[in-house]
Protein backbone atom coordinates (compact mmCIF):
# COMPACT_ATOMS: atom_id res chain seq x y z
CA MET A 1 -41.31 24.31 32.15
CA LEU A 2 -39.05 27.26 32.97
CA ASN A 3 -39.77 30.49 31.11
CA GLU A 4 -37.09 31.59 28.65
CA SER A 5 -37.41 35.19 29.83
CA ARG A 6 -35.44 34.15 32.92
CA THR A 7 -32.33 33.80 30.73
CA ARG A 8 -32.01 37.00 28.71
CA LEU A 9 -28.66 35.97 27.28
CA GLY A 10 -30.33 32.86 25.93
CA VAL A 11 -29.78 29.24 26.85
CA LEU A 12 -27.02 28.76 24.29
CA GLY A 13 -25.25 31.97 25.29
CA TRP A 14 -25.16 30.92 28.93
CA GLY A 15 -23.99 27.48 27.84
CA VAL A 16 -21.01 28.99 26.02
CA VAL A 17 -20.19 31.24 28.98
CA ALA A 18 -20.40 28.33 31.42
CA SER A 19 -18.22 26.17 29.14
CA ALA A 20 -15.59 28.92 28.98
CA LEU A 21 -15.61 29.34 32.77
CA LEU A 22 -15.29 25.59 33.28
CA THR A 23 -12.37 25.53 30.85
CA GLY A 24 -10.74 28.26 32.90
CA LEU A 25 -11.25 26.12 36.00
CA VAL A 26 -9.58 23.17 34.25
CA TRP A 27 -6.58 25.41 33.52
CA LEU A 28 -6.42 26.63 37.11
CA LEU A 29 -6.63 23.16 38.67
CA GLY A 30 -4.18 21.84 36.09
CA GLN A 31 -1.41 23.96 37.62
CA ARG A 32 -1.40 21.47 40.51
CA LEU A 33 -0.55 18.60 38.13
CA HIS A 34 2.81 19.81 36.84
CA GLY A 35 4.66 17.52 39.22
CA VAL A 36 3.03 14.30 37.95
CA ALA A 37 5.73 12.01 36.52
CA LEU A 38 4.87 10.61 33.08
CA LEU A 39 6.62 8.24 30.68
CA PRO A 40 8.38 9.57 27.55
CA ASP A 41 6.22 9.99 24.48
CA GLN A 42 6.23 6.82 22.36
CA GLY A 43 4.59 7.98 19.13
CA ALA A 44 1.22 8.63 17.55
CA SER A 45 -0.51 5.59 19.08
CA TRP A 46 0.70 6.45 22.59
CA TYR A 47 -1.32 8.62 24.96
CA TYR A 48 1.21 10.60 26.95
CA TRP A 49 -0.94 11.72 29.91
CA GLN A 50 -1.23 8.48 31.93
CA LEU A 51 0.50 7.26 35.05
CA PRO A 52 3.52 4.95 34.63
CA ASP A 53 2.22 2.76 37.48
CA PRO A 54 -1.59 2.85 37.64
CA THR A 55 -3.28 1.59 40.78
CA PHE A 56 -6.59 -0.13 41.41
CA TRP A 57 -8.04 3.16 42.63
CA SER A 58 -6.78 5.23 39.70
CA ARG A 59 -8.52 2.80 37.34
CA ALA A 60 -11.65 2.26 39.44
CA SER A 61 -12.21 5.97 40.04
CA ALA A 62 -12.12 6.76 36.31
CA TRP A 63 -14.29 3.85 35.19
CA THR A 64 -16.81 4.26 38.01
CA GLY A 65 -17.15 7.99 37.34
CA TYR A 66 -17.55 7.37 33.62
CA ALA A 67 -20.12 4.58 34.11
CA ALA A 68 -22.21 6.65 36.51
CA HIS A 69 -22.11 9.69 34.20
CA GLN A 70 -23.05 7.59 31.20
CA LEU A 71 -25.93 5.76 32.88
CA VAL A 72 -27.41 8.97 34.28
CA SER A 73 -27.22 10.62 30.86
CA TRP A 74 -28.85 7.68 29.10
CA GLY A 75 -31.53 7.52 31.78
CA LEU A 76 -32.39 11.20 31.28
CA ILE A 77 -32.56 10.73 27.49
CA HIS A 78 -34.91 7.77 27.92
CA TYR A 79 -37.08 9.76 30.32
CA ALA A 80 -37.23 12.66 27.86
CA GLN A 81 -38.27 10.40 24.98
CA THR A 82 -40.94 8.61 26.98
CA ARG A 83 -42.28 11.40 29.25
CA VAL A 84 -41.49 14.80 27.73
CA ARG A 85 -41.71 14.26 23.95
CA ARG A 86 -42.52 17.89 23.05
CA TYR A 87 -40.31 20.82 22.13
CA THR A 88 -40.32 24.14 23.97
CA THR A 89 -38.59 27.48 23.51
CA GLY A 90 -37.56 27.50 27.17
CA LEU A 91 -36.26 24.75 29.42
CA HIS A 92 -38.10 21.71 30.70
CA ARG A 93 -37.29 20.85 34.29
CA LEU A 94 -35.56 17.80 32.87
CA ASN A 95 -33.09 20.08 31.05
CA VAL A 96 -32.21 21.78 34.33
CA VAL A 97 -31.65 18.36 35.92
CA ALA A 98 -29.47 17.30 32.96
CA LEU A 99 -27.38 20.48 33.11
CA ALA A 100 -26.93 20.08 36.88
CA ALA A 101 -26.01 16.40 36.48
CA ASN A 102 -23.37 17.17 33.84
CA ALA A 103 -21.98 19.98 36.00
CA GLY A 104 -21.79 17.57 38.94
CA PHE A 105 -19.93 14.94 36.93
CA ILE A 106 -17.54 17.58 35.57
CA GLY A 107 -16.78 18.48 39.19
CA LEU A 108 -16.37 14.80 40.04
CA HIS A 109 -13.88 14.29 37.22
CA ALA A 110 -11.94 17.35 38.37
CA VAL A 111 -11.66 15.89 41.89
CA GLN A 112 -10.84 12.43 40.48
CA THR A 113 -8.01 13.90 38.39
CA GLN A 114 -6.55 15.70 41.39
CA LEU A 115 -6.65 12.57 43.56
CA PHE A 116 -5.89 9.77 41.09
CA TYR A 117 -4.93 11.53 37.81
CA ASP A 118 -5.65 8.76 35.28
CA GLY A 119 -8.60 8.80 32.91
CA LEU A 120 -9.83 5.91 30.81
CA ALA A 121 -6.75 6.22 28.58
CA GLN A 122 -4.87 3.78 30.78
CA ASP A 123 -7.00 0.88 29.51
CA VAL A 124 -8.23 1.80 26.01
CA SER A 125 -6.64 2.96 22.76
CA ILE A 126 -6.23 6.61 21.88
CA PHE A 127 -7.95 5.81 18.60
CA SER A 128 -11.14 4.86 20.44
CA SER A 129 -11.43 8.41 21.77
CA GLN A 130 -10.78 9.97 18.38
CA GLY A 131 -13.07 7.45 16.68
CA SER A 132 -15.99 8.22 18.97
CA VAL A 133 -16.01 11.86 17.84
CA VAL A 134 -15.65 10.84 14.18
CA LEU A 135 -18.63 8.50 14.58
CA LEU A 136 -20.65 11.38 16.02
CA LEU A 137 -19.84 13.60 13.03
CA VAL A 138 -20.64 10.81 10.56
CA ALA A 139 -24.00 10.16 12.24
CA VAL A 140 -24.87 13.86 11.86
CA LEU A 141 -24.10 13.70 8.12
CA LEU A 142 -26.37 10.67 7.82
CA MET A 143 -29.15 12.16 9.92
CA GLU A 144 -29.17 15.43 7.95
CA ASN A 145 -28.87 13.76 4.52
CA ARG A 146 -32.48 14.43 3.48
CA ARG A 147 -32.53 18.04 4.71
CA ARG A 148 -29.28 19.45 3.35
CA GLY A 149 -27.94 16.67 1.12
CA LEU A 150 -24.66 14.84 1.42
CA VAL A 151 -22.61 16.49 -1.35
CA LEU A 152 -23.60 19.85 -2.89
CA THR A 153 -27.27 19.32 -1.90
CA TRP A 154 -27.36 15.85 -3.52
CA SER A 155 -28.98 13.43 -1.10
CA ALA A 156 -27.59 9.91 -0.88
CA PRO A 157 -30.18 7.14 -1.40
CA ILE A 158 -30.45 6.22 2.27
CA SER A 159 -33.78 4.78 3.35
CA GLU A 160 -36.09 6.76 5.60
CA GLN A 161 -36.07 3.79 7.96
CA VAL A 162 -32.33 4.17 8.52
CA VAL A 163 -32.52 7.95 8.92
CA GLY A 164 -35.47 7.60 11.28
CA PHE A 165 -33.51 5.12 13.41
CA VAL A 166 -30.56 7.52 13.73
CA ARG A 167 -32.85 10.45 14.53
CA ARG A 168 -34.59 8.48 17.26
CA TYR A 169 -31.49 7.05 18.92
CA HIS A 170 -28.76 9.57 18.09
CA GLY A 171 -28.91 11.06 21.59
CA TYR A 172 -27.59 7.84 23.11
CA LEU A 173 -24.70 7.70 20.62
CA PHE A 174 -23.82 11.38 20.96
CA SER A 175 -23.98 11.17 24.74
CA TRP A 176 -21.60 8.20 24.70
CA ALA A 177 -19.16 9.93 22.32
CA ALA A 178 -18.98 13.08 24.46
CA ILE A 179 -18.89 11.41 27.88
CA TYR A 180 -16.46 8.67 26.87
CA THR A 181 -14.07 11.24 25.40
CA PHE A 182 -14.51 13.50 28.44
CA TRP A 183 -13.50 10.74 30.86
CA TYR A 184 -10.77 9.41 28.56
CA HIS A 185 -8.52 12.37 29.44
CA PRO A 186 -7.33 13.59 32.82
CA MET A 187 -8.20 17.25 33.36
CA GLU A 188 -4.77 18.50 32.28
CA SER A 189 -4.13 22.14 31.42
CA THR A 190 -2.20 21.84 28.14
CA SER A 191 -3.54 23.94 25.26
CA GLY A 192 -4.77 20.82 23.45
CA HIS A 193 -6.63 19.58 26.53
CA LEU A 194 -8.22 22.97 27.16
CA ILE A 195 -9.49 23.25 23.58
CA GLY A 196 -10.80 19.70 23.75
CA PHE A 197 -12.52 20.16 27.10
CA PHE A 198 -14.20 23.38 25.91
CA TYR A 199 -15.55 21.43 22.94
CA MET A 200 -16.72 18.58 25.19
CA PHE A 201 -18.45 21.03 27.54
CA LEU A 202 -20.37 22.49 24.58
CA LEU A 203 -21.41 18.98 23.50
CA LEU A 204 -22.60 18.23 27.04
CA VAL A 205 -24.64 21.44 26.98
CA GLN A 206 -26.16 20.32 23.68
CA SER A 207 -27.04 16.89 25.08
CA SER A 208 -28.69 18.56 28.09
CA LEU A 209 -30.99 20.69 25.90
CA MET A 210 -33.02 17.78 24.46
CA PHE A 211 -36.55 18.71 23.37
CA THR A 212 -35.83 22.43 23.26
CA THR A 213 -35.65 24.65 20.19
CA ALA A 214 -32.08 25.54 21.19
CA HIS A 215 -31.13 21.90 20.65
CA THR A 216 -32.18 22.11 16.99
CA ASN A 217 -30.92 25.64 16.26
CA ARG A 218 -29.21 25.16 12.87
CA TRP A 219 -26.46 27.74 13.40
CA TRP A 220 -25.67 26.26 16.80
CA THR A 221 -25.46 22.68 15.52
CA LEU A 222 -23.36 23.87 12.55
CA THR A 223 -20.98 25.58 14.99
CA LEU A 224 -20.58 22.34 16.93
CA GLU A 225 -19.78 20.50 13.69
CA LEU A 226 -17.24 23.13 12.62
CA LEU A 227 -15.43 23.31 15.96
CA VAL A 228 -13.78 19.99 15.18
CA ALA A 229 -11.87 21.80 12.41
CA VAL A 230 -10.63 24.38 14.91
CA HIS A 231 -9.71 21.75 17.48
CA GLY A 232 -8.02 19.39 15.03
CA THR A 233 -6.03 22.16 13.35
CA LEU A 234 -4.79 23.78 16.55
CA VAL A 235 -3.80 20.47 18.15
CA ALA A 236 -1.95 19.46 14.96
CA VAL A 237 -0.02 22.75 14.97
CA MET A 238 0.85 22.31 18.65
CA ASN A 239 2.01 18.73 18.17
CA SER A 240 3.86 18.94 14.84
CA GLY A 241 4.49 22.64 14.21
CA PRO A 242 3.77 24.71 11.09
CA ASP A 243 5.27 22.07 8.79
CA GLY A 244 3.06 19.29 10.16
CA VAL A 245 -0.28 17.89 9.02
CA TRP A 246 -2.48 20.78 10.17
CA PRO A 247 -3.68 21.58 6.58
CA MET A 248 -5.18 18.09 6.34
CA PHE A 249 -7.41 18.84 9.35
CA LEU A 250 -8.17 22.45 8.42
CA PHE A 251 -8.98 21.95 4.74
CA GLY A 252 -10.40 18.47 5.23
CA PHE A 253 -13.07 19.52 7.71
CA VAL A 254 -13.73 22.83 5.96
CA ALA A 255 -14.18 20.89 2.70
CA ILE A 256 -17.04 19.01 4.39
CA PHE A 257 -18.48 22.37 5.41
CA VAL A 258 -18.33 23.61 1.80
CA LEU A 259 -19.66 20.39 0.28
CA THR A 260 -22.34 19.62 2.85
CA GLN A 261 -22.81 21.64 6.00
CA MET A 262 -23.20 25.18 4.68
CA HIS A 263 -26.18 24.10 2.57
CA GLY A 264 -28.37 23.57 5.62
CA VAL A 265 -28.54 27.04 7.18
CA GLY A 266 -30.29 29.08 4.49
CA LEU A 267 -27.29 30.79 2.91
CA GLY A 268 -28.00 32.27 -0.53
CA ALA A 269 -26.35 30.96 -3.68
CA ALA A 270 -24.00 33.98 -3.91
CA ALA A 271 -22.77 33.53 -0.35
CA ARG A 272 -22.10 29.85 -0.95
CA TRP A 273 -20.17 30.61 -4.17
CA TRP A 274 -18.04 33.15 -2.31
CA ILE A 275 -17.32 30.69 0.51
CA GLY A 276 -16.46 27.92 -1.94
CA GLY A 277 -14.21 30.24 -3.94
CA ALA A 278 -12.42 31.47 -0.81
CA PHE A 279 -11.81 27.84 0.21
CA VAL A 280 -10.25 26.99 -3.17
CA VAL A 281 -8.05 30.11 -3.16
CA ALA A 282 -6.89 29.45 0.41
CA ALA A 283 -6.08 25.80 -0.35
CA LEU A 284 -4.15 26.71 -3.50
CA GLY A 285 -2.26 29.38 -1.59
CA VAL A 286 -1.21 27.04 1.22
CA TYR A 287 -0.21 24.20 -1.10
CA SER A 288 1.74 26.49 -3.41
CA TRP A 289 4.01 26.90 -0.38
CA ARG A 290 3.58 23.39 0.98
CA GLY A 291 3.92 21.62 -2.35
CA PHE A 292 1.13 20.48 -4.66
CA GLY A 293 2.35 16.92 -4.28
CA ARG A 294 0.67 16.92 -0.86
CA ILE A 295 -2.65 18.46 -1.92
CA ASP A 296 -4.31 15.04 -1.61
CA GLU A 297 -4.43 15.85 2.12
CA VAL A 298 -7.46 18.02 1.40
CA VAL A 299 -9.63 15.08 0.33
CA ARG A 300 -8.58 12.47 2.90
CA ILE A 301 -10.96 13.43 5.70
CA PRO A 302 -14.00 14.04 3.42
CA LEU A 303 -13.46 10.71 1.66
CA ILE A 304 -13.20 8.87 4.98
CA GLU A 305 -16.31 10.52 6.43
CA TYR A 306 -18.47 10.04 3.33
CA LEU A 307 -17.36 6.41 3.09
CA LEU A 308 -18.24 5.91 6.76
CA VAL A 309 -21.70 7.38 6.14
CA GLY A 310 -22.32 4.55 3.68
CA VAL A 311 -20.88 1.93 6.02
CA LEU A 312 -22.93 3.19 8.97
CA ALA A 313 -26.12 3.32 6.89
CA LEU A 314 -25.54 -0.23 5.69
CA LEU A 315 -24.89 -1.55 9.20
CA ILE A 316 -28.01 0.13 10.58
CA TRP A 317 -30.11 -1.14 7.69
CA ALA A 318 -28.83 -4.69 8.28
CA GLY A 319 -29.50 -4.41 12.00
CA VAL A 320 -33.03 -3.09 11.50
CA ARG A 321 -33.80 -5.83 8.96
CA LEU A 322 -32.40 -8.52 11.24
CA ALA A 323 -34.47 -7.23 14.17
CA ALA A 324 -37.59 -7.28 11.99
CA LEU A 325 -36.90 -10.88 10.94
CA VAL A 326 -36.39 -11.94 14.55
CA ARG A 327 -39.66 -10.32 15.61
CA SER A 328 -41.57 -11.98 12.78
């Protein structure tokens, strides 16, 4: 185990700094990609940043890099669960290996982009990338249901068996969501890509810190949950302008924060009332300009995520029951 005193800024602080520096590197290398010829944009279901004529090597380089990254990550998680199994305030040697492995695969993807450009997007739907992150967020809501509740501290009647399953295996799911999304995109330097890569780098840092107290720091994990609101809102503004759907992402994800996430970090009742009131005032202010006929945008994302919590819980329960029947 490495002593925490060797990192005075703190593990999470260095993780944020490293993620910012890596994002800067993505921007710098992206300047070399401006000459890549791409097809015209074909709508919401079309991913713009892919080669018009992919080659065997452009596909193989992306899928091989992704597969290697994924298998190494899953192997480290399995090793941690079977060999480490105890939390520490500093870093286990395994965490250093995980951080170095993720850094190496980030470098590999940077080289792969420069040589072959394409990510996984050439072969899979754009909705699979977006859906992987949504599934991650839904799994967190399910996993934290007993601790902070699902809606205004009310806990959904989800069995401890289901919650225990998600807690035990969530690392594999979260690792897949982050790594799959990371390799889905070429390392382009648009504002949307840079915001997304910064977020992915933070998630890779989180996955590398398994069995440390930093990994379970409530303010840190809340920040990772909330960053999707920042990312979704900014990308929506960039893609559709100030009259686009950005309020749906901003108020939708912040609504989940108000209803669920802020109740798990020890905020007092007064602070939570102030936050909730500020949210309502801000939403009313925006939709007084935007038109109250569109205020249903605020509830779309929360309704989808809470519904998916129930669907995911039901599927896991059915899978666990089926496995038990097969064993018996």
